[in-house]
Amino acid sequence: MPTLTIQPSGKTLPSAEGMSILEALLAAGEPIPHKCDGKAECGSCHIFVHEGRKTLSKTQRAENEKLDSIVGVGSKSRLACQARIGTEDVTVELLGFGSGM
């Protein structure tokens, strides 16, 4: 079972292959904005993926379009609602601001 590590807290969460990062965070009680309920419409669940990027699902068109409209996006950016966990561990950084607002 892959593990999701959250920065900056260092907290680790069990996750399941195919689960979105947003689903894993919410299931563990981690607070993360998600105004559009996982539809890649708001960008409020913007995160940085530091490790395990290659095991995540590929970025789809809707996610790319939303990321293009967000200030502060970099090569490690993903939307937690769209990034699905693969077979390996993943480390993400929860951003301390409303990135998609």
PDB file of N, CA and C in Angstrom:
ATOM      1  N   MET A   1       0.853  -1.179   0.000  1.00  0.00           N
ATOM      2  CA  MET A   1       0.000   0.000   0.000  1.00  0.00           C
ATOM      3  C   MET A   1       0.899   1.243   0.000  1.00  0.00           C
ATOM      4  N   PRO A   2       0.687   2.154  -0.964  1.00  0.00           N
ATOM      5  CA  PRO A   2       1.512   3.363  -1.013  1.00  0.00           C
ATOM      6  C   PRO A   2       1.234   4.284   0.173  1.00  0.00           C
ATOM      7  N   THR A   3       2.246   5.037   0.552  1.00  0.00           N
ATOM      8  CA  THR A   3       2.137   6.000   1.646  1.00  0.00           C
ATOM      9  C   THR A   3       2.189   7.413   1.074  1.00  0.00           C
ATOM     10  N   LEU A   4       1.360   8.278   1.616  1.00  0.00           N
ATOM     11  CA  LEU A   4       1.350   9.688   1.239  1.00  0.00           C
ATOM     12  C   LEU A   4       1.969  10.467   2.392  1.00  0.00           C
ATOM     13  N   THR A   5       3.066  11.181   2.120  1.00  0.00           N
ATOM     14  CA  THR A   5       3.718  12.012   3.128  1.00  0.00           C
ATOM     15  C   THR A   5       3.377  13.460   2.853  1.00  0.00           C
ATOM     16  N   ILE A   6       2.977  14.166   3.909  1.00  0.00           N
ATOM     17  CA  ILE A   6       2.556  15.560   3.791  1.00  0.00           C
ATOM     18  C   ILE A   6       3.629  16.472   4.365  1.00  0.00           C
ATOM     19  N   GLN A   7       4.038  17.434   3.585  1.00  0.00           N
ATOM     20  CA  GLN A   7       4.968  18.463   4.051  1.00  0.00           C
ATOM     21  C   GLN A   7       4.183  19.755   4.229  1.00  0.00           C
ATOM     22  N   PRO A   8       4.480  20.604   5.139  1.00  0.00           N
ATOM     23  CA  PRO A   8       5.679  20.593   5.963  1.00  0.00           C
ATOM     24  C   PRO A   8       5.561  19.787   7.261  1.00  0.00           C
ATOM     25  N   SER A   9       4.418  19.169   7.537  1.00  0.00           N
ATOM     26  CA  SER A   9       4.235  18.485   8.825  1.00  0.00           C
ATOM     27  C   SER A   9       5.009  17.171   8.930  1.00  0.00           C
ATOM     28  N   GLY A  10       5.289  16.515   7.809  1.00  0.00           N
ATOM     29  CA  GLY A  10       5.951  15.218   7.838  1.00  0.00           C
ATOM     30  C   GLY A  10       5.010  14.062   8.153  1.00  0.00           C
ATOM     31  N   LYS A  11       3.729  14.345   8.283  1.00  0.00           N
ATOM     32  CA  LYS A  11       2.735  13.316   8.593  1.00  0.00           C
ATOM     33  C   LYS A  11       2.627  12.331   7.429  1.00  0.00           C
ATOM     34  N   THR A  12       2.508  11.048   7.742  1.00  0.00           N
ATOM     35  CA  THR A  12       2.335  10.034   6.707  1.00  0.00           C
ATOM     36  C   THR A  12       0.957   9.410   6.812  1.00  0.00           C
ATOM     37  N   LEU A  13       0.370   9.147   5.647  1.00  0.00           N
ATOM     38  CA  LEU A  13      -0.972   8.588   5.584  1.00  0.00           C
ATOM     39  C   LEU A  13      -0.974   7.365   4.691  1.00  0.00           C
ATOM     40  N   PRO A  14      -1.708   6.341   5.066  1.00  0.00           N
ATOM     41  CA  PRO A  14      -1.882   5.220   4.145  1.00  0.00           C
ATOM     42  C   PRO A  14      -2.794   5.670   3.007  1.00  0.00           C
ATOM     43  N   SER A  15      -2.556   5.162   1.834  1.00  0.00           N
ATOM     44  CA  SER A  15      -3.425   5.495   0.704  1.00  0.00           C
ATOM     45  C   SER A  15      -3.599   4.234  -0.141  1.00  0.00           C
ATOM     46  N   ALA A  16      -4.451   4.324  -1.117  1.00  0.00           N
ATOM     47  CA  ALA A  16      -4.708   3.169  -1.975  1.00  0.00           C
ATOM     48  C   ALA A  16      -4.469   3.562  -3.423  1.00  0.00           C
ATOM     49  N   GLU A  17      -3.961   2.627  -4.187  1.00  0.00           N
ATOM     50  CA  GLU A  17      -3.746   2.862  -5.605  1.00  0.00           C
ATOM     51  C   GLU A  17      -5.068   3.248  -6.263  1.00  0.00           C
ATOM     52  N   GLY A  18      -5.038   4.303  -7.086  1.00  0.00           N
ATOM     53  CA  GLY A  18      -6.235   4.776  -7.771  1.00  0.00           C
ATOM     54  C   GLY A  18      -6.992   5.861  -7.029  1.00  0.00           C
ATOM     55  N   MET A  19      -6.666   6.066  -5.768  1.00  0.00           N
ATOM     56  CA  MET A  19      -7.298   7.103  -4.957  1.00  0.00           C
ATOM     57  C   MET A  19      -6.668   8.455  -5.321  1.00  0.00           C
ATOM     58  N   SER A  20      -7.465   9.510  -5.374  1.00  0.00           N
ATOM     59  CA  SER A  20      -6.874  10.818  -5.623  1.00  0.00           C
ATOM     60  C   SER A  20      -6.177  11.294  -4.343  1.00  0.00           C
ATOM     61  N   ILE A  21      -5.216  12.173  -4.517  1.00  0.00           N
ATOM     62  CA  ILE A  21      -4.529  12.739  -3.347  1.00  0.00           C
ATOM     63  C   ILE A  21      -5.535  13.466  -2.473  1.00  0.00           C
ATOM     64  N   LEU A  22      -6.482  14.165  -3.076  1.00  0.00           N
ATOM     65  CA  LEU A  22      -7.518  14.857  -2.309  1.00  0.00           C
ATOM     66  C   LEU A  22      -8.320  13.862  -1.474  1.00  0.00           C
ATOM     67  N   GLU A  23      -8.722  12.753  -2.053  1.00  0.00           N
ATOM     68  CA  GLU A  23      -9.482  11.733  -1.315  1.00  0.00           C
ATOM     69  C   GLU A  23      -8.679  11.198  -0.139  1.00  0.00           C
ATOM     70  N   ALA A  24      -7.394  10.946  -0.355  1.00  0.00           N
ATOM     71  CA  ALA A  24      -6.546  10.424   0.727  1.00  0.00           C
ATOM     72  C   ALA A  24      -6.415  11.438   1.852  1.00  0.00           C
ATOM     73  N   LEU A  25      -6.230  12.712   1.501  1.00  0.00           N
ATOM     74  CA  LEU A  25      -6.101  13.755   2.517  1.00  0.00           C
ATOM     75  C   LEU A  25      -7.391  13.912   3.323  1.00  0.00           C
ATOM     76  N   LEU A  26      -8.516  13.959   2.636  1.00  0.00           N
ATOM     77  CA  LEU A  26      -9.799  14.127   3.329  1.00  0.00           C
ATOM     78  C   LEU A  26     -10.131  12.916   4.197  1.00  0.00           C
ATOM     79  N   ALA A  27      -9.809  11.710   3.708  1.00  0.00           N
ATOM     80  CA  ALA A  27     -10.079  10.493   4.483  1.00  0.00           C
ATOM     81  C   ALA A  27      -9.287  10.486   5.790  1.00  0.00           C
ATOM     82  N   ALA A  28      -8.128  11.142   5.788  1.00  0.00           N
ATOM     83  CA  ALA A  28      -7.286  11.196   6.989  1.00  0.00           C
ATOM     84  C   ALA A  28      -7.591  12.421   7.854  1.00  0.00           C
ATOM     85  N   GLY A  29      -8.578  13.218   7.443  1.00  0.00           N
ATOM     86  CA  GLY A  29      -8.953  14.388   8.222  1.00  0.00           C
ATOM     87  C   GLY A  29      -8.043  15.584   8.018  1.00  0.00           C
ATOM     88  N   GLU A  30      -7.234  15.573   6.958  1.00  0.00           N
ATOM     89  CA  GLU A  30      -6.346  16.699   6.676  1.00  0.00           C
ATOM     90  C   GLU A  30      -7.137  17.818   6.013  1.00  0.00           C
ATOM     91  N   PRO A  31      -7.031  19.029   6.532  1.00  0.00           N
ATOM     92  CA  PRO A  31      -7.755  20.139   5.910  1.00  0.00           C
ATOM     93  C   PRO A  31      -7.073  20.586   4.618  1.00  0.00           C
ATOM     94  N   ILE A  32      -7.817  20.625   3.541  1.00  0.00           N
ATOM     95  CA  ILE A  32      -7.327  21.120   2.257  1.00  0.00           C
ATOM     96  C   ILE A  32      -8.515  21.728   1.527  1.00  0.00           C
ATOM     97  N   PRO A  33      -8.333  22.929   0.987  1.00  0.00           N
ATOM     98  CA  PRO A  33      -9.440  23.546   0.248  1.00  0.00           C
ATOM     99  C   PRO A  33      -9.814  22.694  -0.971  1.00  0.00           C
ATOM    100  N   HIS A  34     -11.097  22.660  -1.271  1.00  0.00           N
ATOM    101  CA  HIS A  34     -11.575  21.938  -2.454  1.00  0.00           C
ATOM    102  C   HIS A  34     -12.971  22.443  -2.811  1.00  0.00           C
ATOM    103  N   LYS A  35     -13.014  23.650  -3.316  1.00  0.00           N
ATOM    104  CA  LYS A  35     -14.284  24.337  -3.565  1.00  0.00           C
ATOM    105  C   LYS A  35     -15.167  23.699  -4.634  1.00  0.00           C
ATOM    106  N   CYS A  36     -14.549  23.024  -5.625  1.00  0.00           N
ATOM    107  CA  CYS A  36     -15.350  22.499  -6.737  1.00  0.00           C
ATOM    108  C   CYS A  36     -15.629  21.004  -6.610  1.00  0.00           C
ATOM    109  N   ASP A  37     -15.330  20.419  -5.463  1.00  0.00           N
ATOM    110  CA  ASP A  37     -15.577  19.000  -5.214  1.00  0.00           C
ATOM    111  C   ASP A  37     -14.893  18.073  -6.215  1.00  0.00           C
ATOM    112  N   GLY A  38     -13.669  18.418  -6.586  1.00  0.00           N
ATOM    113  CA  GLY A  38     -12.860  17.515  -7.398  1.00  0.00           C
ATOM    114  C   GLY A  38     -13.073  17.571  -8.889  1.00  0.00           C
ATOM    115  N   LYS A  39     -13.557  18.690  -9.399  1.00  0.00           N
ATOM    116  CA  LYS A  39     -13.852  18.796 -10.831  1.00  0.00           C
ATOM    117  C   LYS A  39     -12.780  19.562 -11.620  1.00  0.00           C
ATOM    118  N   ALA A  40     -11.674  19.932 -10.973  1.00  0.00           N
ATOM    119  CA  ALA A  40     -10.595  20.696 -11.614  1.00  0.00           C
ATOM    120  C   ALA A  40     -11.074  22.051 -12.128  1.00  0.00           C
ATOM    121  N   GLU A  41     -12.038  22.647 -11.409  1.00  0.00           N
ATOM    122  CA  GLU A  41     -12.595  23.920 -11.843  1.00  0.00           C
ATOM    123  C   GLU A  41     -12.112  25.111 -11.031  1.00  0.00           C
ATOM    124  N   CYS A  42     -11.630  24.887  -9.799  1.00  0.00           N
ATOM    125  CA  CYS A  42     -11.307  26.030  -8.948  1.00  0.00           C
ATOM    126  C   CYS A  42      -9.813  26.206  -8.686  1.00  0.00           C
ATOM    127  N   GLY A  43      -9.060  25.144  -8.658  1.00  0.00           N
ATOM    128  CA  GLY A  43      -7.630  25.227  -8.389  1.00  0.00           C
ATOM    129  C   GLY A  43      -7.272  25.382  -6.925  1.00  0.00           C
ATOM    130  N   SER A  44      -8.254  25.330  -6.036  1.00  0.00           N
ATOM    131  CA  SER A  44      -7.968  25.555  -4.613  1.00  0.00           C
ATOM    132  C   SER A  44      -7.188  24.407  -3.966  1.00  0.00           C
ATOM    133  N   CYS A  45      -7.125  23.256  -4.604  1.00  0.00           N
ATOM    134  CA  CYS A  45      -6.385  22.115  -4.052  1.00  0.00           C
ATOM    135  C   CYS A  45      -4.991  21.981  -4.684  1.00  0.00           C
ATOM    136  N   HIS A  46      -4.477  23.080  -5.205  1.00  0.00           N
ATOM    137  CA  HIS A  46      -3.133  23.105  -5.815  1.00  0.00           C
ATOM    138  C   HIS A  46      -2.096  22.693  -4.775  1.00  0.00           C
ATOM    139  N   ILE A  47      -1.257  21.714  -5.129  1.00  0.00           N
ATOM    140  CA  ILE A  47      -0.202  21.211  -4.253  1.00  0.00           C
ATOM    141  C   ILE A  47       1.091  21.105  -5.054  1.00  0.00           C
ATOM    142  N   PHE A  48       2.201  20.925  -4.356  1.00  0.00           N
ATOM    143  CA  PHE A  48       3.472  20.591  -4.998  1.00  0.00           C
ATOM    144  C   PHE A  48       3.772  19.123  -4.683  1.00  0.00           C
ATOM    145  N   VAL A  49       4.165  18.366  -5.683  1.00  0.00           N
ATOM    146  CA  VAL A  49       4.552  16.967  -5.505  1.00  0.00           C
ATOM    147  C   VAL A  49       6.077  16.913  -5.524  1.00  0.00           C
ATOM    148  N   HIS A  50       6.678  16.556  -4.395  1.00  0.00           N
ATOM    149  CA  HIS A  50       8.134  16.535  -4.278  1.00  0.00           C
ATOM    150  C   HIS A  50       8.741  15.178  -4.618  1.00  0.00           C
ATOM    151  N   GLU A  51       8.028  14.110  -4.322  1.00  0.00           N
ATOM    152  CA  GLU A  51       8.516  12.762  -4.629  1.00  0.00           C
ATOM    153  C   GLU A  51       7.354  11.914  -5.112  1.00  0.00           C
ATOM    154  N   GLY A  52       7.642  11.024  -6.052  1.00  0.00           N
ATOM    155  CA  GLY A  52       6.623  10.103  -6.542  1.00  0.00           C
ATOM    156  C   GLY A  52       5.805  10.629  -7.700  1.00  0.00           C
ATOM    157  N   ARG A  53       6.257  11.697  -8.353  1.00  0.00           N
ATOM    158  CA  ARG A  53       5.495  12.279  -9.462  1.00  0.00           C
ATOM    159  C   ARG A  53       5.204  11.264 -10.570  1.00  0.00           C
ATOM    160  N   LYS A  54       6.179  10.399 -10.843  1.00  0.00           N
ATOM    161  CA  LYS A  54       6.026   9.461 -11.965  1.00  0.00           C
ATOM    162  C   LYS A  54       5.008   8.366 -11.679  1.00  0.00           C
ATOM    163  N   THR A  55       4.709   8.125 -10.420  1.00  0.00           N
ATOM    164  CA  THR A  55       3.726   7.092 -10.089  1.00  0.00           C
ATOM    165  C   THR A  55       2.292   7.628 -10.150  1.00  0.00           C
ATOM    166  N   LEU A  56       2.137   8.949 -10.184  1.00  0.00           N
ATOM    167  CA  LEU A  56       0.802   9.553 -10.233  1.00  0.00           C
ATOM    168  C   LEU A  56       0.210   9.436 -11.636  1.00  0.00           C
ATOM    169  N   SER A  57      -1.107   9.555 -11.709  1.00  0.00           N
ATOM    170  CA  SER A  57      -1.786   9.572 -13.002  1.00  0.00           C
ATOM    171  C   SER A  57      -1.266  10.746 -13.833  1.00  0.00           C
ATOM    172  N   LYS A  58      -1.369  10.608 -15.132  1.00  0.00           N
ATOM    173  CA  LYS A  58      -0.913  11.676 -16.029  1.00  0.00           C
ATOM    174  C   LYS A  58      -1.847  12.876 -15.920  1.00  0.00           C
ATOM    175  N   THR A  59      -1.286  14.051 -16.116  1.00  0.00           N
ATOM    176  CA  THR A  59      -2.073  15.279 -16.091  1.00  0.00           C
ATOM    177  C   THR A  59      -2.972  15.323 -17.319  1.00  0.00           C
ATOM    178  N   GLN A  60      -4.254  15.531 -17.090  1.00  0.00           N
ATOM    179  CA  GLN A  60      -5.227  15.599 -18.180  1.00  0.00           C
ATOM    180  C   GLN A  60      -5.497  17.064 -18.560  1.00  0.00           C
ATOM    181  N   ARG A  61      -6.203  17.256 -19.653  1.00  0.00           N
ATOM    182  CA  ARG A  61      -6.447  18.592 -20.211  1.00  0.00           C
ATOM    183  C   ARG A  61      -7.079  19.565 -19.211  1.00  0.00           C
ATOM    184  N   ALA A  62      -8.125  19.153 -18.514  1.00  0.00           N
ATOM    185  CA  ALA A  62      -8.821  20.048 -17.575  1.00  0.00           C
ATOM    186  C   ALA A  62      -7.872  20.527 -16.482  1.00  0.00           C
ATOM    187  N   GLU A  63      -7.033  19.621 -15.980  1.00  0.00           N
ATOM    188  CA  GLU A  63      -6.075  19.998 -14.944  1.00  0.00           C
ATOM    189  C   GLU A  63      -5.029  20.957 -15.503  1.00  0.00           C
ATOM    190  N   ASN A  64      -4.505  20.662 -16.682  1.00  0.00           N
ATOM    191  CA  ASN A  64      -3.525  21.563 -17.303  1.00  0.00           C
ATOM    192  C   ASN A  64      -4.089  22.952 -17.506  1.00  0.00           C
ATOM    193  N   GLU A  65      -5.325  23.028 -17.974  1.00  0.00           N
ATOM    194  CA  GLU A  65      -5.949  24.329 -18.215  1.00  0.00           C
ATOM    195  C   GLU A  65      -6.108  25.112 -16.919  1.00  0.00           C
ATOM    196  N   LYS A  66      -6.496  24.452 -15.853  1.00  0.00           N
ATOM    197  CA  LYS A  66      -6.656  25.139 -14.570  1.00  0.00           C
ATOM    198  C   LYS A  66      -5.303  25.562 -14.026  1.00  0.00           C
ATOM    199  N   LEU A  67      -4.300  24.682 -14.101  1.00  0.00           N
ATOM    200  CA  LEU A  67      -2.961  25.034 -13.616  1.00  0.00           C
ATOM    201  C   LEU A  67      -2.401  26.236 -14.377  1.00  0.00           C
ATOM    202  N   ASP A  68      -2.701  26.337 -15.667  1.00  0.00           N
ATOM    203  CA  ASP A  68      -2.228  27.469 -16.476  1.00  0.00           C
ATOM    204  C   ASP A  68      -2.778  28.798 -15.975  1.00  0.00           C
ATOM    205  N   SER A  69      -3.891  28.764 -15.248  1.00  0.00           N
ATOM    206  CA  SER A  69      -4.525  30.001 -14.788  1.00  0.00           C
ATOM    207  C   SER A  69      -4.163  30.380 -13.346  1.00  0.00           C
ATOM    208  N   ILE A  70      -3.320  29.573 -12.691  1.00  0.00           N
ATOM    209  CA  ILE A  70      -2.980  29.791 -11.283  1.00  0.00           C
ATOM    210  C   ILE A  70      -1.604  30.430 -11.165  1.00  0.00           C
ATOM    211  N   VAL A  71      -1.506  31.456 -10.327  1.00  0.00           N
ATOM    212  CA  VAL A  71      -0.221  32.092 -10.042  1.00  0.00           C
ATOM    213  C   VAL A  71       0.591  31.190  -9.121  1.00  0.00           C
ATOM    214  N   GLY A  72       1.890  31.073  -9.373  1.00  0.00           N
ATOM    215  CA  GLY A  72       2.763  30.291  -8.506  1.00  0.00           C
ATOM    216  C   GLY A  72       2.905  28.836  -8.897  1.00  0.00           C
ATOM    217  N   VAL A  73       2.428  28.480 -10.074  1.00  0.00           N
ATOM    218  CA  VAL A  73       2.526  27.098 -10.547  1.00  0.00           C
ATOM    219  C   VAL A  73       3.950  26.830 -11.013  1.00  0.00           C
ATOM    220  N   GLY A  74       4.442  25.640 -10.703  1.00  0.00           N
ATOM    221  CA  GLY A  74       5.765  25.225 -11.140  1.00  0.00           C
ATOM    222  C   GLY A  74       5.726  23.812 -11.683  1.00  0.00           C
ATOM    223  N   SER A  75       6.890  23.265 -11.947  1.00  0.00           N
ATOM    224  CA  SER A  75       6.975  21.927 -12.534  1.00  0.00           C
ATOM    225  C   SER A  75       6.484  20.838 -11.587  1.00  0.00           C
ATOM    226  N   LYS A  76       6.401  21.136 -10.299  1.00  0.00           N
ATOM    227  CA  LYS A  76       5.943  20.148  -9.311  1.00  0.00           C
ATOM    228  C   LYS A  76       4.457  20.290  -8.994  1.00  0.00           C
ATOM    229  N   SER A  77       3.781  21.214  -9.660  1.00  0.00           N
ATOM    230  CA  SER A  77       2.376  21.500  -9.364  1.00  0.00           C
ATOM    231  C   SER A  77       1.434  20.432  -9.880  1.00  0.00           C
ATOM    232  N   ARG A  78       0.446  20.116  -9.065  1.00  0.00           N
ATOM    233  CA  ARG A  78      -0.681  19.252  -9.447  1.00  0.00           C
ATOM    234  C   ARG A  78      -1.899  19.729  -8.682  1.00  0.00           C
ATOM    235  N   LEU A  79      -3.065  19.329  -9.154  1.00  0.00           N
ATOM    236  CA  LEU A  79      -4.291  19.522  -8.391  1.00  0.00           C
ATOM    237  C   LEU A  79      -4.535  18.222  -7.640  1.00  0.00           C
ATOM    238  N   ALA A  80      -4.699  18.312  -6.330  1.00  0.00           N
ATOM    239  CA  ALA A  80      -4.880  17.114  -5.501  1.00  0.00           C
ATOM    240  C   ALA A  80      -6.113  16.315  -5.922  1.00  0.00           C
ATOM    241  N   CYS A  81      -7.109  17.000  -6.474  1.00  0.00           N
ATOM    242  CA  CYS A  81      -8.337  16.309  -6.878  1.00  0.00           C
ATOM    243  C   CYS A  81      -8.150  15.483  -8.144  1.00  0.00           C
ATOM    244  N   GLN A  82      -7.125  15.778  -8.925  1.00  0.00           N
ATOM    245  CA  GLN A  82      -6.928  15.099 -10.198  1.00  0.00           C
ATOM    246  C   GLN A  82      -5.796  14.079 -10.175  1.00  0.00           C
ATOM    247  N   ALA A  83      -4.831  14.256  -9.297  1.00  0.00           N
ATOM    248  CA  ALA A  83      -3.670  13.369  -9.230  1.00  0.00           C
ATOM    249  C   ALA A  83      -4.039  12.085  -8.496  1.00  0.00           C
ATOM    250  N   ARG A  84      -4.028  10.975  -9.210  1.00  0.00           N
ATOM    251  CA  ARG A  84      -4.361   9.675  -8.616  1.00  0.00           C
ATOM    252  C   ARG A  84      -3.084   8.935  -8.256  1.00  0.00           C
ATOM    253  N   ILE A  85      -3.104   8.337  -7.091  1.00  0.00           N
ATOM    254  CA  ILE A  85      -1.940   7.654  -6.538  1.00  0.00           C
ATOM    255  C   ILE A  85      -1.712   6.329  -7.266  1.00  0.00           C
ATOM    256  N   GLY A  86      -0.437   6.055  -7.529  1.00  0.00           N
ATOM    257  CA  GLY A  86      -0.060   4.803  -8.189  1.00  0.00           C
ATOM    258  C   GLY A  86       0.429   3.790  -7.171  1.00  0.00           C
ATOM    259  N   THR A  87       1.468   3.069  -7.511  1.00  0.00           N
ATOM    260  CA  THR A  87       1.947   1.973  -6.676  1.00  0.00           C
ATOM    261  C   THR A  87       3.073   2.368  -5.734  1.00  0.00           C
ATOM    262  N   GLU A  88       3.614   3.578  -5.894  1.00  0.00           N
ATOM    263  CA  GLU A  88       4.753   4.007  -5.077  1.00  0.00           C
ATOM    264  C   GLU A  88       4.357   5.133  -4.128  1.00  0.00           C
ATOM    265  N   ASP A  89       5.210   5.357  -3.124  1.00  0.00           N
ATOM    266  CA  ASP A  89       4.979   6.417  -2.144  1.00  0.00           C
ATOM    267  C   ASP A  89       5.075   7.794  -2.801  1.00  0.00           C
ATOM    268  N   VAL A  90       4.332   8.745  -2.234  1.00  0.00           N
ATOM    269  CA  VAL A  90       4.279  10.108  -2.765  1.00  0.00           C
ATOM    270  C   VAL A  90       4.477  11.088  -1.612  1.00  0.00           C
ATOM    271  N   THR A  91       5.243  12.163  -1.869  1.00  0.00           N
ATOM    272  CA  THR A  91       5.413  13.248  -0.899  1.00  0.00           C
ATOM    273  C   THR A  91       4.880  14.526  -1.523  1.00  0.00           C
ATOM    274  N   VAL A  92       3.957  15.174  -0.819  1.00  0.00           N
ATOM    275  CA  VAL A  92       3.355  16.408  -1.319  1.00  0.00           C
ATOM    276  C   VAL A  92       3.531  17.532  -0.313  1.00  0.00           C
ATOM    277  N   GLU A  93       3.514  18.741  -0.815  1.00  0.00           N
ATOM    278  CA  GLU A  93       3.543  19.929   0.036  1.00  0.00           C
ATOM    279  C   GLU A  93       2.191  20.613  -0.066  1.00  0.00           C
ATOM    280  N   LEU A  94       1.539  20.759   1.087  1.00  0.00           N
ATOM    281  CA  LEU A  94       0.283  21.513   1.126  1.00  0.00           C
ATOM    282  C   LEU A  94       0.654  22.979   1.208  1.00  0.00           C
ATOM    283  N   LEU A  95       0.143  23.747   0.301  1.00  0.00           N
ATOM    284  CA  LEU A  95       0.500  25.158   0.222  1.00  0.00           C
ATOM    285  C   LEU A  95      -0.278  25.944   1.261  1.00  0.00           C
ATOM    286  N   GLY A  96       0.359  26.911   1.859  1.00  0.00           N
ATOM    287  CA  GLY A  96      -0.221  27.662   2.969  1.00  0.00           C
ATOM    288  C   GLY A  96      -1.048  28.844   2.556  1.00  0.00           C
ATOM    289  N   PHE A  97      -1.513  28.845   1.328  1.00  0.00           N
ATOM    290  CA  PHE A  97      -2.344  29.945   0.844  1.00  0.00           C
ATOM    291  C   PHE A  97      -3.411  29.378  -0.070  1.00  0.00           C
ATOM    292  N   GLY A  98      -4.452  30.142  -0.309  1.00  0.00           N
ATOM    293  CA  GLY A  98      -5.526  29.707  -1.217  1.00  0.00           C
ATOM    294  C   GLY A  98      -5.054  29.884  -2.643  1.00  0.00           C
ATOM    295  N   SER A  99      -4.367  28.915  -3.173  1.00  0.00           N
ATOM    296  CA  SER A  99      -3.663  29.053  -4.434  1.00  0.00           C
ATOM    297  C   SER A  99      -4.579  29.248  -5.639  1.00  0.00           C
ATOM    298  N   GLY A 100      -5.797  28.803  -5.571  1.00  0.00           N
ATOM    299  CA  GLY A 100      -6.653  28.920  -6.748  1.00  0.00           C
ATOM    300  C   GLY A 100      -7.717  29.970  -6.614  1.00  0.00           C
ATOM    301  N   MET A 101      -7.634  30.778  -5.590  1.00  0.00           N
ATOM    302  CA  MET A 101      -8.718  31.733  -5.319  1.00  0.00           C
ATOM    303  C   MET A 101      -8.474  33.062  -5.979  1.00  0.00           C
TER     304      MET A 101
END
